[in-house]
Amino acid sequence: MDANPASNAAIAPRAPEPQPPDEPGFVAVPNPEPVHRIASFVSADPAGRRLRLAFWKRPADAGASGVVIVARTWFGPDAEGPPGHAHGGAIAAVLDEVMGVAVWESGYRVVSASLDIRFHAPVPLGTDTAVRAELTEVDGRRIRVHGAIRGPENILYASARGLFVEVDDAMFRKLMARG
């Protein structure tokens, strides 16, 4: 967060109520319950000053796997990186979260293996953005996903490709035991 209180004071601490996607067929998804016993850094505080997310899903288009997730996201003053804009790490965390939700909601129990993120434009704090994620390939235990964050006027802020790897029961139990 910027050490200059004047910069942070200009950011409204209240986000607008998230609105569902304009496309038909989406249904609300409650904020994902954490798989582990601790709350998610990204989506566990829907009334916080850092990040706020609300999720919707619909079935993938014909011929594609899984579901399409759209999340409305708000980057608040506690997500500040460059003055007045969201931190790149917060943007990356949101993409990882939404892409992971797309994979989990498609029925795969996974962990992130790699993320390739492109930052196209800075995200002004207080902006209501739409994050879209969908599966692009399922190859055995490897699931590839594409995600993008867009703002008003369809501005592309960031895009990502991710590789998620499905974990077996033994690994899942091991991960749960650490939580």
C-alpha atoms as a PDB file:
ATOM      1  CA  MET A   1       0.000   0.000   0.000  1.00  0.00           C
ATOM      2  CA  ASP A   2       1.220   3.505  -0.779  1.00  0.00           C
ATOM      3  CA  ALA A   3       2.724   5.301   2.194  1.00  0.00           C
ATOM      4  CA  ASN A   4       1.003   8.472   1.000  1.00  0.00           C
ATOM      5  CA  PRO A   5      -2.382   8.522   2.784  1.00  0.00           C
ATOM      6  CA  ALA A   6      -3.742  11.054   0.292  1.00  0.00           C
ATOM      7  CA  SER A   7      -3.327   8.516  -2.502  1.00  0.00           C
ATOM      8  CA  ASN A   8      -5.238   5.834  -0.548  1.00  0.00           C
ATOM      9  CA  ALA A   9      -7.948   8.229   0.622  1.00  0.00           C
ATOM     10  CA  ALA A  10      -8.938   8.835  -2.989  1.00  0.00           C
ATOM     11  CA  ILE A  11      -9.906   5.165  -3.385  1.00  0.00           C
ATOM     12  CA  ALA A  12     -13.442   4.413  -2.296  1.00  0.00           C
ATOM     13  CA  PRO A  13     -13.369   1.750   0.461  1.00  0.00           C
ATOM     14  CA  ARG A  14     -16.725   0.350  -0.702  1.00  0.00           C
ATOM     15  CA  ALA A  15     -16.935  -1.660  -3.888  1.00  0.00           C
ATOM     16  CA  PRO A  16     -20.093  -1.727  -5.946  1.00  0.00           C
ATOM     17  CA  GLU A  17     -22.262  -4.823  -5.621  1.00  0.00           C
ATOM     18  CA  PRO A  18     -20.896  -7.299  -8.178  1.00  0.00           C
ATOM     19  CA  GLN A  19     -23.156  -7.716 -11.172  1.00  0.00           C
ATOM     20  CA  PRO A  20     -23.580 -11.012 -13.017  1.00  0.00           C
ATOM     21  CA  PRO A  21     -22.159 -11.385 -16.521  1.00  0.00           C
ATOM     22  CA  ASP A  22     -24.219  -9.954 -19.371  1.00  0.00           C
ATOM     23  CA  GLU A  23     -24.158 -13.300 -21.169  1.00  0.00           C
ATOM     24  CA  PRO A  24     -27.053 -15.732 -20.593  1.00  0.00           C
ATOM     25  CA  GLY A  25     -26.636 -19.050 -18.802  1.00  0.00           C
ATOM     26  CA  PHE A  26     -24.430 -18.021 -15.888  1.00  0.00           C
ATOM     27  CA  VAL A  27     -25.377 -19.030 -12.339  1.00  0.00           C
ATOM     28  CA  ALA A  28     -23.851 -17.712  -9.130  1.00  0.00           C
ATOM     29  CA  VAL A  29     -21.141 -19.735  -7.418  1.00  0.00           C
ATOM     30  CA  PRO A  30     -20.730 -19.051  -3.708  1.00  0.00           C
ATOM     31  CA  ASN A  31     -17.234 -17.847  -2.876  1.00  0.00           C
ATOM     32  CA  PRO A  32     -15.306 -21.103  -3.109  1.00  0.00           C
ATOM     33  CA  GLU A  33     -14.932 -22.837   0.195  1.00  0.00           C
ATOM     34  CA  PRO A  34     -11.263 -23.304   0.847  1.00  0.00           C
ATOM     35  CA  VAL A  35     -10.078 -26.802   0.178  1.00  0.00           C
ATOM     36  CA  HIS A  36      -7.829 -26.482   3.156  1.00  0.00           C
ATOM     37  CA  ARG A  37      -8.621 -25.294   6.648  1.00  0.00           C
ATOM     38  CA  ILE A  38      -7.460 -21.708   6.195  1.00  0.00           C
ATOM     39  CA  ALA A  39      -9.235 -18.991   4.272  1.00  0.00           C
ATOM     40  CA  SER A  40      -8.124 -18.070   0.773  1.00  0.00           C
ATOM     41  CA  PHE A  41      -5.849 -15.042   0.560  1.00  0.00           C
ATOM     42  CA  VAL A  42      -7.775 -13.944  -2.523  1.00  0.00           C
ATOM     43  CA  SER A  43     -11.478 -14.666  -2.069  1.00  0.00           C
ATOM     44  CA  ALA A  44     -12.059 -15.129   1.661  1.00  0.00           C
ATOM     45  CA  ASP A  45     -12.832 -11.495   2.537  1.00  0.00           C
ATOM     46  CA  PRO A  46     -15.666 -10.318   0.248  1.00  0.00           C
ATOM     47  CA  ALA A  47     -16.070  -7.106   2.286  1.00  0.00           C
ATOM     48  CA  GLY A  48     -12.363  -6.333   2.646  1.00  0.00           C
ATOM     49  CA  ARG A  49     -10.170  -3.481   1.444  1.00  0.00           C
ATOM     50  CA  ARG A  50      -7.784  -5.681  -0.573  1.00  0.00           C
ATOM     51  CA  LEU A  51      -9.760  -7.793  -3.050  1.00  0.00           C
ATOM     52  CA  ARG A  52     -13.407  -8.629  -3.554  1.00  0.00           C
ATOM     53  CA  LEU A  53     -14.613 -11.393  -5.828  1.00  0.00           C
ATOM     54  CA  ALA A  54     -17.962 -12.848  -6.811  1.00  0.00           C
ATOM     55  CA  PHE A  55     -18.145 -15.896  -9.095  1.00  0.00           C
ATOM     56  CA  TRP A  56     -20.546 -17.125 -11.788  1.00  0.00           C
ATOM     57  CA  LYS A  57     -20.322 -20.226 -13.998  1.00  0.00           C
ATOM     58  CA  ARG A  58     -21.915 -21.789 -17.038  1.00  0.00           C
ATOM     59  CA  PRO A  59     -21.189 -24.947 -19.027  1.00  0.00           C
ATOM     60  CA  ALA A  60     -18.387 -24.663 -21.565  1.00  0.00           C
ATOM     61  CA  ASP A  61     -19.281 -24.262 -25.214  1.00  0.00           C
ATOM     62  CA  ALA A  62     -19.954 -27.393 -27.270  1.00  0.00           C
ATOM     63  CA  GLY A  63     -16.750 -29.344 -27.844  1.00  0.00           C
ATOM     64  CA  ALA A  64     -14.961 -27.769 -24.867  1.00  0.00           C
ATOM     65  CA  SER A  65     -14.368 -29.254 -21.418  1.00  0.00           C
ATOM     66  CA  GLY A  66     -15.634 -28.110 -18.051  1.00  0.00           C
ATOM     67  CA  VAL A  67     -17.202 -24.793 -17.180  1.00  0.00           C
ATOM     68  CA  VAL A  68     -16.587 -21.130 -17.923  1.00  0.00           C
ATOM     69  CA  ILE A  69     -16.082 -18.964 -14.842  1.00  0.00           C
ATOM     70  CA  VAL A  70     -16.614 -15.224 -14.732  1.00  0.00           C
ATOM     71  CA  ALA A  71     -15.646 -13.412 -11.565  1.00  0.00           C
ATOM     72  CA  ARG A  72     -16.354  -9.773 -10.852  1.00  0.00           C
ATOM     73  CA  THR A  73     -13.313  -8.444  -9.049  1.00  0.00           C
ATOM     74  CA  TRP A  74     -12.563  -5.207  -7.270  1.00  0.00           C
ATOM     75  CA  PHE A  75      -9.010  -4.202  -6.345  1.00  0.00           C
ATOM     76  CA  GLY A  76      -9.084  -2.043  -3.220  1.00  0.00           C
ATOM     77  CA  PRO A  77      -6.535   0.238  -1.560  1.00  0.00           C
ATOM     78  CA  ASP A  78      -4.827  -2.635   0.282  1.00  0.00           C
ATOM     79  CA  ALA A  79      -3.932  -4.186  -3.123  1.00  0.00           C
ATOM     80  CA  GLU A  80      -1.950  -1.126  -4.186  1.00  0.00           C
ATOM     81  CA  GLY A  81       1.347  -1.489  -6.041  1.00  0.00           C
ATOM     82  CA  PRO A  82       2.213   1.475  -8.246  1.00  0.00           C
ATOM     83  CA  PRO A  83       0.473   4.587  -6.878  1.00  0.00           C
ATOM     84  CA  GLY A  84      -3.255   4.336  -7.523  1.00  0.00           C
ATOM     85  CA  HIS A  85      -3.010   0.942  -9.251  1.00  0.00           C
ATOM     86  CA  ALA A  86      -3.216  -2.739  -8.332  1.00  0.00           C
ATOM     87  CA  HIS A  87      -0.040  -4.633  -7.451  1.00  0.00           C
ATOM     88  CA  GLY A  88       1.047  -7.160 -10.090  1.00  0.00           C
ATOM     89  CA  GLY A  89       1.113  -9.860  -7.417  1.00  0.00           C
ATOM     90  CA  ALA A  90      -2.544  -9.162  -6.565  1.00  0.00           C
ATOM     91  CA  ILE A  91      -3.446  -9.390 -10.261  1.00  0.00           C
ATOM     92  CA  ALA A  92      -1.539 -12.678 -10.554  1.00  0.00           C
ATOM     93  CA  ALA A  93      -3.223 -14.048  -7.409  1.00  0.00           C
ATOM     94  CA  VAL A  94      -6.684 -13.220  -8.794  1.00  0.00           C
ATOM     95  CA  LEU A  95      -5.910 -14.920 -12.110  1.00  0.00           C
ATOM     96  CA  ASP A  96      -4.599 -18.009 -10.284  1.00  0.00           C
ATOM     97  CA  GLU A  97      -7.704 -18.117  -8.062  1.00  0.00           C
ATOM     98  CA  VAL A  98     -10.251 -17.705 -10.863  1.00  0.00           C
ATOM     99  CA  MET A  99      -8.469 -20.132 -13.176  1.00  0.00           C
ATOM    100  CA  GLY A 100      -8.219 -22.640 -10.324  1.00  0.00           C
ATOM    101  CA  VAL A 101     -11.934 -22.255  -9.587  1.00  0.00           C
ATOM    102  CA  ALA A 102     -12.669 -22.997 -13.266  1.00  0.00           C
ATOM    103  CA  VAL A 103     -10.730 -26.262 -12.989  1.00  0.00           C
ATOM    104  CA  TRP A 104     -12.190 -27.283  -9.597  1.00  0.00           C
ATOM    105  CA  GLU A 105     -15.741 -26.426 -10.710  1.00  0.00           C
ATOM    106  CA  SER A 106     -15.100 -28.628 -13.772  1.00  0.00           C
ATOM    107  CA  GLY A 107     -14.547 -31.582 -11.439  1.00  0.00           C
ATOM    108  CA  TYR A 108     -10.753 -31.751 -11.202  1.00  0.00           C
ATOM    109  CA  ARG A 109      -8.848 -31.655  -7.888  1.00  0.00           C
ATOM    110  CA  VAL A 110      -5.707 -29.743  -8.840  1.00  0.00           C
ATOM    111  CA  VAL A 111      -2.784 -27.587  -7.796  1.00  0.00           C
ATOM    112  CA  SER A 112      -1.196 -24.853  -9.892  1.00  0.00           C
ATOM    113  CA  ALA A 113       1.922 -26.002 -11.747  1.00  0.00           C
ATOM    114  CA  SER A 114       2.709 -22.896 -13.799  1.00  0.00           C
ATOM    115  CA  LEU A 115       1.247 -19.518 -14.688  1.00  0.00           C
ATOM    116  CA  ASP A 116       2.319 -17.350 -17.620  1.00  0.00           C
ATOM    117  CA  ILE A 117       0.917 -13.867 -17.028  1.00  0.00           C
ATOM    118  CA  ARG A 118       0.974 -10.905 -19.388  1.00  0.00           C
ATOM    119  CA  PHE A 119       0.250  -7.447 -18.010  1.00  0.00           C
ATOM    120  CA  HIS A 120      -1.326  -5.322 -20.751  1.00  0.00           C
ATOM    121  CA  ALA A 121      -2.370  -2.185 -18.834  1.00  0.00           C
ATOM    122  CA  PRO A 122      -2.270  -1.039 -15.195  1.00  0.00           C
ATOM    123  CA  VAL A 123      -5.461  -1.727 -13.207  1.00  0.00           C
ATOM    124  CA  PRO A 124      -6.662   1.439 -11.447  1.00  0.00           C
ATOM    125  CA  LEU A 125      -7.665   0.798  -7.841  1.00  0.00           C
ATOM    126  CA  GLY A 126     -11.417   0.809  -7.293  1.00  0.00           C
ATOM    127  CA  THR A 127     -12.129  -0.510 -10.791  1.00  0.00           C
ATOM    128  CA  ASP A 128     -14.782  -3.198 -11.179  1.00  0.00           C
ATOM    129  CA  THR A 129     -13.221  -5.832 -13.449  1.00  0.00           C
ATOM    130  CA  ALA A 130     -14.416  -9.056 -15.051  1.00  0.00           C
ATOM    131  CA  VAL A 131     -12.140 -12.089 -14.907  1.00  0.00           C
ATOM    132  CA  ARG A 132     -12.960 -14.906 -17.291  1.00  0.00           C
ATOM    133  CA  ALA A 133     -11.375 -18.364 -17.149  1.00  0.00           C
ATOM    134  CA  GLU A 134     -11.953 -21.519 -19.133  1.00  0.00           C
ATOM    135  CA  LEU A 135     -10.260 -24.828 -19.748  1.00  0.00           C
ATOM    136  CA  THR A 136      -8.400 -25.080 -23.045  1.00  0.00           C
ATOM    137  CA  GLU A 137      -7.011 -28.621 -22.844  1.00  0.00           C
ATOM    138  CA  VAL A 138      -7.247 -31.715 -20.679  1.00  0.00           C
ATOM    139  CA  ASP A 139      -4.405 -34.199 -21.184  1.00  0.00           C
ATOM    140  CA  GLY A 140      -4.417 -36.880 -18.506  1.00  0.00           C
ATOM    141  CA  ARG A 141      -3.607 -35.173 -15.198  1.00  0.00           C
ATOM    142  CA  ARG A 142      -2.625 -31.906 -16.912  1.00  0.00           C
ATOM    143  CA  ILE A 143      -5.292 -29.258 -17.373  1.00  0.00           C
ATOM    144  CA  ARG A 144      -4.518 -26.057 -19.268  1.00  0.00           C
ATOM    145  CA  VAL A 145      -6.550 -22.937 -18.652  1.00  0.00           C
ATOM    146  CA  HIS A 146      -6.763 -19.437 -20.119  1.00  0.00           C
ATOM    147  CA  GLY A 147      -7.790 -16.419 -18.082  1.00  0.00           C
ATOM    148  CA  ALA A 148      -8.132 -12.680 -18.666  1.00  0.00           C
ATOM    149  CA  ILE A 149      -8.982  -9.590 -16.637  1.00  0.00           C
ATOM    150  CA  ARG A 150     -10.938  -6.885 -18.435  1.00  0.00           C
ATOM    151  CA  GLY A 151     -12.278  -3.579 -17.264  1.00  0.00           C
ATOM    152  CA  PRO A 152     -14.756  -0.986 -18.436  1.00  0.00           C
ATOM    153  CA  GLU A 153     -14.839  -0.514 -22.202  1.00  0.00           C
ATOM    154  CA  ASN A 154     -13.452  -4.090 -22.468  1.00  0.00           C
ATOM    155  CA  ILE A 155      -9.913  -2.897 -21.653  1.00  0.00           C
ATOM    156  CA  LEU A 156      -7.593  -5.907 -21.377  1.00  0.00           C
ATOM    157  CA  TYR A 157      -5.591  -5.485 -18.166  1.00  0.00           C
ATOM    158  CA  ALA A 158      -3.960  -8.919 -17.924  1.00  0.00           C
ATOM    159  CA  SER A 159      -4.127 -12.366 -19.489  1.00  0.00           C
ATOM    160  CA  ALA A 160      -2.734 -15.701 -18.390  1.00  0.00           C
ATOM    161  CA  ARG A 161      -2.233 -19.286 -19.382  1.00  0.00           C
ATOM    162  CA  GLY A 162      -1.994 -21.803 -16.614  1.00  0.00           C
ATOM    163  CA  LEU A 163      -1.104 -25.427 -16.183  1.00  0.00           C
ATOM    164  CA  PHE A 164      -2.858 -27.206 -13.325  1.00  0.00           C
ATOM    165  CA  VAL A 165      -2.037 -30.769 -12.302  1.00  0.00           C
ATOM    166  CA  GLU A 166      -4.599 -33.156 -10.881  1.00  0.00           C
ATOM    167  CA  VAL A 167      -3.573 -34.675  -7.553  1.00  0.00           C
ATOM    168  CA  ASP A 168      -4.378 -38.224  -6.507  1.00  0.00           C
ATOM    169  CA  ASP A 169      -6.090 -39.179  -3.233  1.00  0.00           C
ATOM    170  CA  ALA A 170      -2.817 -39.779  -1.384  1.00  0.00           C
ATOM    171  CA  MET A 171      -1.386 -36.383  -2.329  1.00  0.00           C
ATOM    172  CA  PHE A 172      -4.678 -34.671  -1.524  1.00  0.00           C
ATOM    173  CA  ARG A 173      -4.714 -36.240   1.967  1.00  0.00           C
ATOM    174  CA  LYS A 174      -1.096 -35.191   2.457  1.00  0.00           C
ATOM    175  CA  LEU A 175      -1.912 -31.599   1.473  1.00  0.00           C
ATOM    176  CA  MET A 176      -4.959 -31.586   3.781  1.00  0.00           C
ATOM    177  CA  ALA A 177      -2.870 -32.834   6.711  1.00  0.00           C
ATOM    178  CA  ARG A 178      -0.620 -29.793   6.402  1.00  0.00           C
ATOM    179  CA  GLY A 179      -3.534 -27.318   6.553  1.00  0.00           C
END
